[in-house]
């Protein structure tokens, strides 16, 4: 599989805004909000930056956002899609998800945690993540 295919597949499936995940309670996902501030010059929008460390077994459900999400993988790891395909997300890969685009449905596999940094540019006052059934 080419790197372009891996990036496209990962982008289609990768879940990166995990502010309310059941796996967090199990200690598999550590989320740190780094900043949260109004988006300058745009009423009703805010920017939220975060850092996530996800242990093997941590799961990102399918979801959308009320705005855009941008991600940088700071420590790569292996993920499994809902259909059982394993994908290696390499360190340094960047991903972007436009408002309303469904993404996620991944479980971290392998023996190393996945680390990511996120930037969300979203509607202020709305839930950051909307689960998709």
Protein backbone atom coordinates (compact mmCIF):
# COMPACT_ATOMS: atom_id res chain seq x y z
CA UNK A 1 0.00 0.00 0.00
CA UNK A 2 1.43 3.39 -0.98
CA UNK A 3 1.93 6.18 1.59
CA UNK A 4 -0.74 8.23 -0.22
CA UNK A 5 -3.21 5.34 0.15
CA UNK A 6 -2.29 4.93 3.81
CA UNK A 7 -2.80 8.66 4.45
CA UNK A 8 -6.13 8.68 2.56
CA UNK A 9 -7.37 5.56 4.34
CA UNK A 10 -6.27 6.90 7.69
CA UNK A 11 -7.86 10.28 7.01
CA UNK A 12 -11.15 8.60 6.09
CA UNK A 13 -11.20 6.56 9.28
CA UNK A 14 -9.13 8.35 11.91
CA UNK A 15 -10.82 9.75 14.97
CA UNK A 16 -8.99 12.45 16.73
CA UNK A 17 -11.36 14.45 18.79
CA UNK A 18 -11.93 12.24 21.78
CA UNK A 19 -13.23 14.56 24.45
CA UNK A 20 -15.87 12.11 25.71
CA UNK A 21 -14.81 8.50 25.21
CA UNK A 22 -15.60 5.54 27.39
CA UNK A 23 -12.02 4.29 26.99
CA UNK A 24 -10.86 7.38 28.91
CA UNK A 25 -12.44 5.95 32.04
CA UNK A 26 -10.40 2.80 31.55
CA UNK A 27 -7.19 4.85 31.48
CA UNK A 28 -6.45 4.09 27.83
CA UNK A 29 -6.78 7.67 26.59
CA UNK A 30 -5.08 10.62 28.28
CA UNK A 31 -6.34 13.97 27.00
CA UNK A 32 -4.77 17.31 27.83
CA UNK A 33 -6.39 20.54 26.63
CA UNK A 34 -3.50 22.90 25.90
CA UNK A 35 -5.45 26.03 24.94
CA UNK A 36 -9.06 27.11 24.44
CA UNK A 37 -9.80 30.62 23.15
CA UNK A 38 -12.16 32.61 20.96
CA UNK A 39 -11.21 32.69 17.28
CA UNK A 40 -10.08 36.28 16.68
CA UNK A 41 -12.39 38.23 14.40
CA UNK A 42 -15.04 35.49 14.14
CA UNK A 43 -18.01 35.67 16.49
CA UNK A 44 -19.23 32.36 17.87
CA UNK A 45 -16.12 30.30 17.00
CA UNK A 46 -13.31 29.02 19.20
CA UNK A 47 -9.96 27.25 18.81
CA UNK A 48 -9.14 24.29 21.05
CA UNK A 49 -5.72 22.61 20.98
CA UNK A 50 -5.11 19.27 22.60
CA UNK A 51 -2.59 16.49 23.17
CA UNK A 52 -3.67 12.84 23.36
CA UNK A 53 -1.79 9.72 24.39
CA UNK A 54 -3.75 6.60 23.47
CA UNK A 55 -2.68 3.21 24.79
CA UNK A 56 -3.23 0.00 22.79
CA UNK A 57 -6.89 -0.94 23.13
CA UNK A 58 -8.07 2.69 23.18
CA UNK A 59 -10.94 3.26 20.75
CA UNK A 60 -12.10 6.33 18.80
CA UNK A 61 -15.81 6.00 17.86
CA UNK A 62 -17.22 7.31 14.59
CA UNK A 63 -17.99 11.00 15.03
CA UNK A 64 -18.17 14.49 13.50
CA UNK A 65 -17.46 18.02 14.75
CA UNK A 66 -19.20 21.42 14.62
CA UNK A 67 -16.17 22.78 12.77
CA UNK A 68 -12.79 21.69 11.45
CA UNK A 69 -10.22 19.39 13.05
CA UNK A 70 -6.51 19.29 12.21
CA UNK A 71 -4.17 16.62 13.56
CA UNK A 72 -0.45 15.90 13.70
CA UNK A 73 0.72 12.43 14.72
CA UNK A 74 3.59 13.07 17.13
CA UNK A 75 4.29 9.39 17.85
CA UNK A 76 3.07 6.89 15.30
CA UNK A 77 1.23 3.69 16.04
CA UNK A 78 -0.88 0.96 14.53
CA UNK A 79 -4.65 1.31 14.31
CA UNK A 80 -7.38 -1.09 13.22
CA UNK A 81 -10.40 0.12 11.28
CA UNK A 82 -13.92 -1.13 11.94
CA UNK A 83 -13.57 -3.53 8.98
CA UNK A 84 -10.41 -5.11 10.44
CA UNK A 85 -7.77 -3.37 8.31
CA UNK A 86 -4.56 -2.47 10.17
CA UNK A 87 -2.94 0.85 9.28
CA UNK A 88 0.36 2.26 10.55
CA UNK A 89 0.10 5.99 11.22
CA UNK A 90 3.63 7.31 10.87
CA UNK A 91 5.10 10.03 13.07
CA UNK A 92 4.69 13.42 11.41
CA UNK A 93 1.56 12.59 9.39
CA UNK A 94 -0.95 15.43 9.28
CA UNK A 95 -4.70 14.88 8.87
CA UNK A 96 -7.60 17.29 8.39
CA UNK A 97 -11.35 16.79 8.73
CA UNK A 98 -13.81 19.42 7.52
CA UNK A 99 -16.97 20.32 9.41
CA UNK A 100 -19.41 17.41 9.44
CA UNK A 101 -17.07 14.80 7.91
CA UNK A 102 -17.55 11.44 9.64
CA UNK A 103 -14.27 9.94 10.88
CA UNK A 104 -13.09 7.56 13.57
CA UNK A 105 -14.06 3.96 14.21
CA UNK A 106 -10.47 3.03 15.07
CA UNK A 107 -8.85 0.98 17.81
CA UNK A 108 -5.18 1.41 18.71
CA UNK A 109 -3.34 -1.92 18.32
CA UNK A 110 0.29 -2.98 18.54
CA UNK A 111 2.47 -2.47 21.59
CA UNK A 112 3.10 1.28 21.52
CA UNK A 113 0.81 4.18 22.36
CA UNK A 114 -0.27 6.63 19.67
CA UNK A 115 0.30 10.34 20.42
CA UNK A 116 -1.41 13.16 18.57
CA UNK A 117 -1.84 16.92 18.73
CA UNK A 118 -5.17 18.38 17.61
CA UNK A 119 -6.48 21.80 16.64
CA UNK A 120 -10.24 22.21 16.52
CA UNK A 121 -11.82 25.36 15.05
CA UNK A 122 -15.41 24.90 16.14
CA UNK A 123 -18.71 26.56 17.03
CA UNK A 124 -18.46 27.91 20.57
CA UNK A 125 -20.93 26.43 23.02
CA UNK A 126 -21.75 23.33 20.97
CA UNK A 127 -20.53 19.84 21.83
CA UNK A 128 -17.05 19.29 20.44
CA UNK A 129 -17.84 15.77 19.27
CA UNK A 130 -21.07 14.31 17.92
CA UNK A 131 -21.16 10.49 17.90
CA UNK A 132 -22.38 8.81 14.71
CA UNK A 133 -24.24 5.53 14.90
